[in-house]
């Protein structure tokens, strides 16, 4: 078996990504268990948000785990699919939460628009990745700039546009959702959820944008992945606000967003 060597930066990237997605998966599992207990549809959407928001970091984390076990790296197609195919689920799930809560009148047309964009994205992705082997996929989907660091990819073409649009949409609507929640003077629980979500979206935006446009060194990689972990924890607190945190914050049960 051919053993693929990795640079130290690749190992750090893979390890920090693996830790990040493991923690986000664990938090997502907690939310999923709560959904099965309550059968509340918005909580299912919260689960989809937490799990698939971390999609861009799955290839690095799972690819590193795959390398540890087999000594080989993920193939290009697997890397791109794992990192991108579920992004539309995350953004549509979040928009469903946002619009259902704040502006249900426009929920249907907005979700239809994003649904159409998502279908186009998936068709674009699968066509150039699988069904058009002669296409210049590096310039249309993404390029791995360093052969010794196959844990990171620079996305290109419509993939980059869609990812950028999704991050921008999530952050803008997330800040608005958090601000509205923090204005609920009569609902302390909702105000705390808003505070947590404001921090979560801010940290997520910093981590996602930095990973995309900043040339990483070991220190920045550890810092950005640490910020991503903290963002996921705050997402969990903002979406669910578990009982232990309510006791810690000394607030009573509030049902506005949990029912």
C-alpha atoms as a PDB file:
ATOM      1  CA  UNK A   1       0.000   0.000   0.000  1.00  0.00           C
ATOM      2  CA  UNK A   2       1.339   3.444  -0.902  1.00  0.00           C
ATOM      3  CA  UNK A   3       1.665   5.672   2.151  1.00  0.00           C
ATOM      4  CA  UNK A   4       0.883   9.316   1.438  1.00  0.00           C
ATOM      5  CA  UNK A   5       3.130  11.706   3.356  1.00  0.00           C
ATOM      6  CA  UNK A   6       1.594  14.874   4.759  1.00  0.00           C
ATOM      7  CA  UNK A   7       3.125  18.175   5.703  1.00  0.00           C
ATOM      8  CA  UNK A   8       2.979  19.302   9.324  1.00  0.00           C
ATOM      9  CA  UNK A   9       0.455  21.968   8.321  1.00  0.00           C
ATOM     10  CA  UNK A  10      -1.755  19.290   6.759  1.00  0.00           C
ATOM     11  CA  UNK A  11      -1.617  17.195   9.927  1.00  0.00           C
ATOM     12  CA  UNK A  12      -2.536  20.187  12.078  1.00  0.00           C
ATOM     13  CA  UNK A  13      -5.322  21.125   9.679  1.00  0.00           C
ATOM     14  CA  UNK A  14      -6.700  17.591   9.689  1.00  0.00           C
ATOM     15  CA  UNK A  15      -6.445  17.107  13.444  1.00  0.00           C
ATOM     16  CA  UNK A  16      -8.044  20.443  14.341  1.00  0.00           C
ATOM     17  CA  UNK A  17     -10.814  19.871  11.787  1.00  0.00           C
ATOM     18  CA  UNK A  18     -11.437  16.379  13.188  1.00  0.00           C
ATOM     19  CA  UNK A  19     -11.754  17.771  16.710  1.00  0.00           C
ATOM     20  CA  UNK A  20     -14.087  20.532  15.490  1.00  0.00           C
ATOM     21  CA  UNK A  21     -16.455  18.266  13.561  1.00  0.00           C
ATOM     22  CA  UNK A  22     -16.459  15.673  16.367  1.00  0.00           C
ATOM     23  CA  UNK A  23     -17.623  18.292  18.855  1.00  0.00           C
ATOM     24  CA  UNK A  24     -20.233  19.702  16.448  1.00  0.00           C
ATOM     25  CA  UNK A  25     -21.494  16.172  15.736  1.00  0.00           C
ATOM     26  CA  UNK A  26     -21.791  15.477  19.461  1.00  0.00           C
ATOM     27  CA  UNK A  27     -23.755  18.692  20.001  1.00  0.00           C
ATOM     28  CA  UNK A  28     -25.920  17.862  16.994  1.00  0.00           C
ATOM     29  CA  UNK A  29     -26.637  14.437  18.466  1.00  0.00           C
ATOM     30  CA  UNK A  30     -27.849  16.063  21.689  1.00  0.00           C
ATOM     31  CA  UNK A  31     -30.205  18.275  19.658  1.00  0.00           C
ATOM     32  CA  UNK A  32     -31.422  15.263  17.647  1.00  0.00           C
ATOM     33  CA  UNK A  33     -32.231  13.381  20.865  1.00  0.00           C
ATOM     34  CA  UNK A  34     -34.212  16.398  22.050  1.00  0.00           C
ATOM     35  CA  UNK A  35     -36.126  16.374  18.755  1.00  0.00           C
ATOM     36  CA  UNK A  36     -37.093  12.712  19.205  1.00  0.00           C
ATOM     37  CA  UNK A  37     -38.307  13.544  22.703  1.00  0.00           C
ATOM     38  CA  UNK A  38     -40.346  16.597  21.695  1.00  0.00           C
ATOM     39  CA  UNK A  39     -41.075  16.048  17.980  1.00  0.00           C
ATOM     40  CA  UNK A  40     -40.748  19.813  17.464  1.00  0.00           C
ATOM     41  CA  UNK A  41     -40.028  20.553  13.813  1.00  0.00           C
ATOM     42  CA  UNK A  42     -37.889  23.634  14.517  1.00  0.00           C
ATOM     43  CA  UNK A  43     -35.603  21.571  16.722  1.00  0.00           C
ATOM     44  CA  UNK A  44     -35.061  19.199  13.782  1.00  0.00           C
ATOM     45  CA  UNK A  45     -34.046  22.246  11.748  1.00  0.00           C
ATOM     46  CA  UNK A  46     -31.665  23.268  14.535  1.00  0.00           C
ATOM     47  CA  UNK A  47     -30.092  19.809  14.286  1.00  0.00           C
ATOM     48  CA  UNK A  48     -29.625  20.154  10.523  1.00  0.00           C
ATOM     49  CA  UNK A  49     -28.064  23.587  11.010  1.00  0.00           C
ATOM     50  CA  UNK A  50     -25.535  22.400  13.593  1.00  0.00           C
ATOM     51  CA  UNK A  51     -24.571  19.234  11.698  1.00  0.00           C
ATOM     52  CA  UNK A  52     -24.304  20.599   8.164  1.00  0.00           C
ATOM     53  CA  UNK A  53     -22.971  24.079   8.921  1.00  0.00           C
ATOM     54  CA  UNK A  54     -19.670  22.314   9.622  1.00  0.00           C
ATOM     55  CA  UNK A  55     -19.709  20.553   6.233  1.00  0.00           C
ATOM     56  CA  UNK A  56     -16.743  22.496   4.781  1.00  0.00           C
ATOM     57  CA  UNK A  57     -14.557  21.115   7.575  1.00  0.00           C
ATOM     58  CA  UNK A  58     -15.690  17.484   7.256  1.00  0.00           C
ATOM     59  CA  UNK A  59     -13.280  16.579   4.422  1.00  0.00           C
ATOM     60  CA  UNK A  60     -10.231  17.746   6.388  1.00  0.00           C
ATOM     61  CA  UNK A  61     -11.332  15.984   9.568  1.00  0.00           C
ATOM     62  CA  UNK A  62     -12.579  12.762   7.999  1.00  0.00           C
ATOM     63  CA  UNK A  63      -9.731  12.824   5.482  1.00  0.00           C
ATOM     64  CA  UNK A  64      -7.221  12.986   8.315  1.00  0.00           C
ATOM     65  CA  UNK A  65      -8.936  10.085  10.099  1.00  0.00           C
ATOM     66  CA  UNK A  66      -8.919   8.130   6.827  1.00  0.00           C
ATOM     67  CA  UNK A  67      -5.190   8.878   6.433  1.00  0.00           C
ATOM     68  CA  UNK A  68      -4.442   7.653   9.973  1.00  0.00           C
ATOM     69  CA  UNK A  69      -6.261   4.371   9.303  1.00  0.00           C
ATOM     70  CA  UNK A  70      -5.172   3.663   5.711  1.00  0.00           C
ATOM     71  CA  UNK A  71      -2.136   5.867   5.063  1.00  0.00           C
ATOM     72  CA  UNK A  72      -3.918   7.286   2.005  1.00  0.00           C
ATOM     73  CA  UNK A  73      -5.841  10.484   1.356  1.00  0.00           C
ATOM     74  CA  UNK A  74      -9.385  10.959   0.131  1.00  0.00           C
ATOM     75  CA  UNK A  75      -9.861  11.095  -3.608  1.00  0.00           C
ATOM     76  CA  UNK A  76     -10.666  14.519  -5.040  1.00  0.00           C
ATOM     77  CA  UNK A  77     -14.310  13.654  -5.761  1.00  0.00           C
ATOM     78  CA  UNK A  78     -14.874  12.410  -2.231  1.00  0.00           C
ATOM     79  CA  UNK A  79     -13.259  15.491  -0.743  1.00  0.00           C
ATOM     80  CA  UNK A  80     -15.425  17.919  -2.722  1.00  0.00           C
ATOM     81  CA  UNK A  81     -18.672  15.986  -2.176  1.00  0.00           C
ATOM     82  CA  UNK A  82     -18.244  15.597   1.582  1.00  0.00           C
ATOM     83  CA  UNK A  83     -17.470  19.272   1.972  1.00  0.00           C
ATOM     84  CA  UNK A  84     -20.201  20.776  -0.189  1.00  0.00           C
ATOM     85  CA  UNK A  85     -23.138  18.495  -0.937  1.00  0.00           C
ATOM     86  CA  UNK A  86     -24.990  19.182   2.342  1.00  0.00           C
ATOM     87  CA  UNK A  87     -24.476  22.956   2.457  1.00  0.00           C
ATOM     88  CA  UNK A  88     -27.924  23.621   0.862  1.00  0.00           C
ATOM     89  CA  UNK A  89     -29.568  21.597   3.638  1.00  0.00           C
ATOM     90  CA  UNK A  90     -27.934  23.780   6.289  1.00  0.00           C
ATOM     91  CA  UNK A  91     -28.943  27.111   4.749  1.00  0.00           C
ATOM     92  CA  UNK A  92     -32.509  26.036   3.936  1.00  0.00           C
ATOM     93  CA  UNK A  93     -32.973  24.608   7.442  1.00  0.00           C
ATOM     94  CA  UNK A  94     -31.746  27.865   8.956  1.00  0.00           C
ATOM     95  CA  UNK A  95     -33.927  30.023   6.692  1.00  0.00           C
ATOM     96  CA  UNK A  96     -36.904  27.887   7.678  1.00  0.00           C
ATOM     97  CA  UNK A  97     -36.215  28.669  11.350  1.00  0.00           C
ATOM     98  CA  UNK A  98     -35.579  32.356  10.666  1.00  0.00           C
ATOM     99  CA  UNK A  99     -38.594  32.952   8.449  1.00  0.00           C
ATOM    100  CA  UNK A 100     -40.996  30.786  10.448  1.00  0.00           C
ATOM    101  CA  UNK A 101     -40.183  32.860  13.517  1.00  0.00           C
ATOM    102  CA  UNK A 102     -39.864  36.383  12.133  1.00  0.00           C
ATOM    103  CA  UNK A 103     -41.526  36.610   8.727  1.00  0.00           C
ATOM    104  CA  UNK A 104     -43.688  33.605   7.814  1.00  0.00           C
ATOM    105  CA  UNK A 105     -45.463  35.539   5.027  1.00  0.00           C
ATOM    106  CA  UNK A 106     -42.401  35.456   2.778  1.00  0.00           C
ATOM    107  CA  UNK A 107     -41.140  32.049   3.887  1.00  0.00           C
ATOM    108  CA  UNK A 108     -42.530  30.117   0.923  1.00  0.00           C
ATOM    109  CA  UNK A 109     -41.144  32.310  -1.912  1.00  0.00           C
ATOM    110  CA  UNK A 110     -37.743  32.689  -0.218  1.00  0.00           C
ATOM    111  CA  UNK A 111     -37.420  28.950   0.366  1.00  0.00           C
ATOM    112  CA  UNK A 112     -38.470  28.285  -3.237  1.00  0.00           C
ATOM    113  CA  UNK A 113     -35.752  30.657  -4.505  1.00  0.00           C
ATOM    114  CA  UNK A 114     -33.095  29.034  -2.350  1.00  0.00           C
ATOM    115  CA  UNK A 115     -34.447  25.620  -3.283  1.00  0.00           C
ATOM    116  CA  UNK A 116     -33.965  26.395  -6.990  1.00  0.00           C
ATOM    117  CA  UNK A 117     -30.446  27.727  -6.331  1.00  0.00           C
ATOM    118  CA  UNK A 118     -29.681  24.594  -4.316  1.00  0.00           C
ATOM    119  CA  UNK A 119     -30.890  22.284  -7.087  1.00  0.00           C
ATOM    120  CA  UNK A 120     -28.745  24.160  -9.606  1.00  0.00           C
ATOM    121  CA  UNK A 121     -25.810  23.912  -7.209  1.00  0.00           C
ATOM    122  CA  UNK A 122     -26.212  20.147  -6.811  1.00  0.00           C
ATOM    123  CA  UNK A 123     -26.597  19.597 -10.565  1.00  0.00           C
ATOM    124  CA  UNK A 124     -23.531  21.766 -11.227  1.00  0.00           C
ATOM    125  CA  UNK A 125     -21.564  19.904  -8.579  1.00  0.00           C
ATOM    126  CA  UNK A 126     -22.393  16.363  -9.687  1.00  0.00           C
ATOM    127  CA  UNK A 127     -22.195  17.114 -13.400  1.00  0.00           C
ATOM    128  CA  UNK A 128     -18.658  18.518 -13.377  1.00  0.00           C
ATOM    129  CA  UNK A 129     -17.449  16.175 -10.641  1.00  0.00           C
ATOM    130  CA  UNK A 130     -18.776  12.877 -11.997  1.00  0.00           C
ATOM    131  CA  UNK A 131     -20.438  13.140 -15.405  1.00  0.00           C
ATOM    132  CA  UNK A 132     -18.012  15.421 -17.230  1.00  0.00           C
ATOM    133  CA  UNK A 133     -14.583  13.821 -16.752  1.00  0.00           C
ATOM    134  CA  UNK A 134     -13.020  16.007 -19.417  1.00  0.00           C
ATOM    135  CA  UNK A 135     -14.074  19.264 -17.774  1.00  0.00           C
ATOM    136  CA  UNK A 136     -11.470  21.500 -16.078  1.00  0.00           C
ATOM    137  CA  UNK A 137     -12.824  20.653 -12.617  1.00  0.00           C
ATOM    138  CA  UNK A 138     -10.047  22.490 -10.775  1.00  0.00           C
ATOM    139  CA  UNK A 139     -11.198  25.838 -12.127  1.00  0.00           C
ATOM    140  CA  UNK A 140     -14.902  24.947 -11.907  1.00  0.00           C
ATOM    141  CA  UNK A 141     -15.017  23.302  -8.476  1.00  0.00           C
ATOM    142  CA  UNK A 142     -11.819  23.740  -6.516  1.00  0.00           C
ATOM    143  CA  UNK A 143      -8.090  23.267  -6.474  1.00  0.00           C
ATOM    144  CA  UNK A 144      -5.773  21.713  -3.896  1.00  0.00           C
ATOM    145  CA  UNK A 145      -2.880  24.205  -4.049  1.00  0.00           C
ATOM    146  CA  UNK A 146      -0.352  22.150  -2.074  1.00  0.00           C
ATOM    147  CA  UNK A 147       0.084  18.433  -2.934  1.00  0.00           C
ATOM    148  CA  UNK A 148       1.628  17.898   0.515  1.00  0.00           C
ATOM    149  CA  UNK A 149      -1.472  19.368   2.142  1.00  0.00           C
ATOM    150  CA  UNK A 150      -4.458  17.569   0.573  1.00  0.00           C
ATOM    151  CA  UNK A 151      -6.542  18.460   3.650  1.00  0.00           C
ATOM    152  CA  UNK A 152      -7.353  21.928   2.313  1.00  0.00           C
ATOM    153  CA  UNK A 153      -8.934  23.070  -0.929  1.00  0.00           C
ATOM    154  CA  UNK A 154      -9.566  26.450  -2.541  1.00  0.00           C
ATOM    155  CA  UNK A 155     -13.097  26.345  -3.985  1.00  0.00           C
ATOM    156  CA  UNK A 156     -13.729  27.919  -7.381  1.00  0.00           C
ATOM    157  CA  UNK A 157     -16.570  28.750  -9.759  1.00  0.00           C
ATOM    158  CA  UNK A 158     -20.202  28.499  -8.732  1.00  0.00           C
ATOM    159  CA  UNK A 159     -19.226  26.400  -5.707  1.00  0.00           C
ATOM    160  CA  UNK A 160     -17.351  29.392  -4.285  1.00  0.00           C
ATOM    161  CA  UNK A 161     -20.219  31.733  -5.168  1.00  0.00           C
ATOM    162  CA  UNK A 162     -22.814  29.495  -3.507  1.00  0.00           C
ATOM    163  CA  UNK A 163     -20.707  28.992  -0.375  1.00  0.00           C
ATOM    164  CA  UNK A 164     -20.081  32.731  -0.104  1.00  0.00           C
ATOM    165  CA  UNK A 165     -23.784  33.493  -0.592  1.00  0.00           C
ATOM    166  CA  UNK A 166     -24.726  30.924   2.042  1.00  0.00           C
ATOM    167  CA  UNK A 167     -22.285  32.321   4.609  1.00  0.00           C
ATOM    168  CA  UNK A 168     -23.408  35.887   3.910  1.00  0.00           C
ATOM    169  CA  UNK A 169     -27.098  34.962   4.113  1.00  0.00           C
ATOM    170  CA  UNK A 170     -26.628  32.979   7.317  1.00  0.00           C
ATOM    171  CA  UNK A 171     -24.677  35.750   9.045  1.00  0.00           C
ATOM    172  CA  UNK A 172     -26.997  38.618   8.025  1.00  0.00           C
ATOM    173  CA  UNK A 173     -30.181  36.756   8.954  1.00  0.00           C
ATOM    174  CA  UNK A 174     -28.489  35.355  12.056  1.00  0.00           C
ATOM    175  CA  UNK A 175     -27.559  38.820  13.326  1.00  0.00           C
ATOM    176  CA  UNK A 176     -31.098  40.034  12.649  1.00  0.00           C
ATOM    177  CA  UNK A 177     -32.613  37.002  14.394  1.00  0.00           C
ATOM    178  CA  UNK A 178     -30.327  37.517  17.402  1.00  0.00           C
ATOM    179  CA  UNK A 179     -31.127  41.247  17.596  1.00  0.00           C
ATOM    180  CA  UNK A 180     -34.870  40.569  17.518  1.00  0.00           C
ATOM    181  CA  UNK A 181     -34.493  37.928  20.215  1.00  0.00           C
ATOM    182  CA  UNK A 182     -32.501  40.246  22.468  1.00  0.00           C
ATOM    183  CA  UNK A 183     -35.326  42.803  22.281  1.00  0.00           C
ATOM    184  CA  UNK A 184     -37.763  40.388  23.946  1.00  0.00           C
ATOM    185  CA  UNK A 185     -37.758  42.175  27.306  1.00  0.00           C
ATOM    186  CA  UNK A 186     -40.593  40.025  28.621  1.00  0.00           C
ATOM    187  CA  UNK A 187     -38.815  36.762  27.756  1.00  0.00           C
ATOM    188  CA  UNK A 188     -35.436  36.438  29.525  1.00  0.00           C
ATOM    189  CA  UNK A 189     -34.879  33.006  27.976  1.00  0.00           C
ATOM    190  CA  UNK A 190     -35.275  34.369  24.460  1.00  0.00           C
ATOM    191  CA  UNK A 191     -32.984  37.295  25.212  1.00  0.00           C
ATOM    192  CA  UNK A 192     -30.247  34.909  26.323  1.00  0.00           C
ATOM    193  CA  UNK A 193     -30.748  32.774  23.243  1.00  0.00           C
ATOM    194  CA  UNK A 194     -30.315  35.901  21.142  1.00  0.00           C
ATOM    195  CA  UNK A 195     -27.079  36.784  22.906  1.00  0.00           C
ATOM    196  CA  UNK A 196     -25.691  33.318  22.398  1.00  0.00           C
ATOM    197  CA  UNK A 197     -26.699  33.259  18.734  1.00  0.00           C
ATOM    198  CA  UNK A 198     -25.168  36.682  18.129  1.00  0.00           C
ATOM    199  CA  UNK A 199     -21.829  35.409  19.420  1.00  0.00           C
ATOM    200  CA  UNK A 200     -22.252  32.129  17.490  1.00  0.00           C
ATOM    201  CA  UNK A 201     -22.882  33.767  14.111  1.00  0.00           C
ATOM    202  CA  UNK A 202     -20.088  36.294  14.680  1.00  0.00           C
ATOM    203  CA  UNK A 203     -17.550  33.584  15.523  1.00  0.00           C
ATOM    204  CA  UNK A 204     -18.768  31.328  12.702  1.00  0.00           C
ATOM    205  CA  UNK A 205     -18.415  34.163  10.198  1.00  0.00           C
ATOM    206  CA  UNK A 206     -14.879  34.927  11.397  1.00  0.00           C
ATOM    207  CA  UNK A 207     -13.850  31.257  11.214  1.00  0.00           C
ATOM    208  CA  UNK A 208     -15.461  30.525   7.833  1.00  0.00           C
ATOM    209  CA  UNK A 209     -14.224  33.671   6.096  1.00  0.00           C
ATOM    210  CA  UNK A 210     -10.714  33.332   7.547  1.00  0.00           C
ATOM    211  CA  UNK A 211     -10.478  29.697   6.457  1.00  0.00           C
ATOM    212  CA  UNK A 212     -11.475  30.739   2.937  1.00  0.00           C
ATOM    213  CA  UNK A 213      -9.315  33.797   2.328  1.00  0.00           C
ATOM    214  CA  UNK A 214      -6.449  33.854   4.859  1.00  0.00           C
ATOM    215  CA  UNK A 215      -3.228  31.937   4.248  1.00  0.00           C
ATOM    216  CA  UNK A 216      -3.017  29.691   7.283  1.00  0.00           C
ATOM    217  CA  UNK A 217      -0.053  28.859   9.484  1.00  0.00           C
ATOM    218  CA  UNK A 218      -0.172  26.404  12.417  1.00  0.00           C
ATOM    219  CA  UNK A 219      -1.084  29.099  14.956  1.00  0.00           C
ATOM    220  CA  UNK A 220      -3.917  30.530  12.848  1.00  0.00           C
ATOM    221  CA  UNK A 221      -5.248  27.056  12.081  1.00  0.00           C
ATOM    222  CA  UNK A 222      -5.507  26.159  15.761  1.00  0.00           C
ATOM    223  CA  UNK A 223      -7.019  29.567  16.536  1.00  0.00           C
ATOM    224  CA  UNK A 224      -9.647  29.452  13.768  1.00  0.00           C
ATOM    225  CA  UNK A 225     -10.670  25.869  14.513  1.00  0.00           C
ATOM    226  CA  UNK A 226     -10.898  26.778  18.199  1.00  0.00           C
ATOM    227  CA  UNK A 227     -13.188  29.671  17.267  1.00  0.00           C
ATOM    228  CA  UNK A 228     -15.292  27.247  15.203  1.00  0.00           C
ATOM    229  CA  UNK A 229     -15.680  24.929  18.213  1.00  0.00           C
ATOM    230  CA  UNK A 230     -16.766  27.829  20.423  1.00  0.00           C
ATOM    231  CA  UNK A 231     -19.213  28.966  17.717  1.00  0.00           C
ATOM    232  CA  UNK A 232     -20.824  25.513  17.643  1.00  0.00           C
ATOM    233  CA  UNK A 233     -21.177  25.524  21.426  1.00  0.00           C
ATOM    234  CA  UNK A 234     -22.882  28.903  21.288  1.00  0.00           C
ATOM    235  CA  UNK A 235     -25.140  27.662  18.466  1.00  0.00           C
ATOM    236  CA  UNK A 236     -26.202  24.820  20.736  1.00  0.00           C
ATOM    237  CA  UNK A 237     -26.892  27.202  23.630  1.00  0.00           C
ATOM    238  CA  UNK A 238     -28.724  29.648  21.369  1.00  0.00           C
ATOM    239  CA  UNK A 239     -30.885  27.015  19.721  1.00  0.00           C
ATOM    240  CA  UNK A 240     -31.690  24.860  22.730  1.00  0.00           C
ATOM    241  CA  UNK A 241     -30.624  26.637  25.964  1.00  0.00           C
ATOM    242  CA  UNK A 242     -30.522  23.425  28.008  1.00  0.00           C
ATOM    243  CA  UNK A 243     -31.851  23.220  31.556  1.00  0.00           C
ATOM    244  CA  UNK A 244     -28.414  23.380  33.173  1.00  0.00           C
ATOM    245  CA  UNK A 245     -27.731  26.703  31.475  1.00  0.00           C
ATOM    246  CA  UNK A 246     -31.126  28.068  32.564  1.00  0.00           C
ATOM    247  CA  UNK A 247     -30.287  27.193  36.157  1.00  0.00           C
ATOM    248  CA  UNK A 248     -26.870  28.781  35.787  1.00  0.00           C
ATOM    249  CA  UNK A 249     -28.424  31.957  34.350  1.00  0.00           C
ATOM    250  CA  UNK A 250     -31.283  31.838  36.893  1.00  0.00           C
ATOM    251  CA  UNK A 251     -34.049  32.160  34.335  1.00  0.00           C
ATOM    252  CA  UNK A 252     -37.447  30.513  34.242  1.00  0.00           C
ATOM    253  CA  UNK A 253     -38.804  28.301  31.474  1.00  0.00           C
ATOM    254  CA  UNK A 254     -39.929  30.202  28.390  1.00  0.00           C
ATOM    255  CA  UNK A 255     -41.788  28.586  25.524  1.00  0.00           C
ATOM    256  CA  UNK A 256     -41.611  31.115  22.710  1.00  0.00           C
ATOM    257  CA  UNK A 257     -38.914  29.347  20.703  1.00  0.00           C
ATOM    258  CA  UNK A 258     -38.910  25.942  22.339  1.00  0.00           C
ATOM    259  CA  UNK A 259     -42.497  24.964  21.633  1.00  0.00           C
END
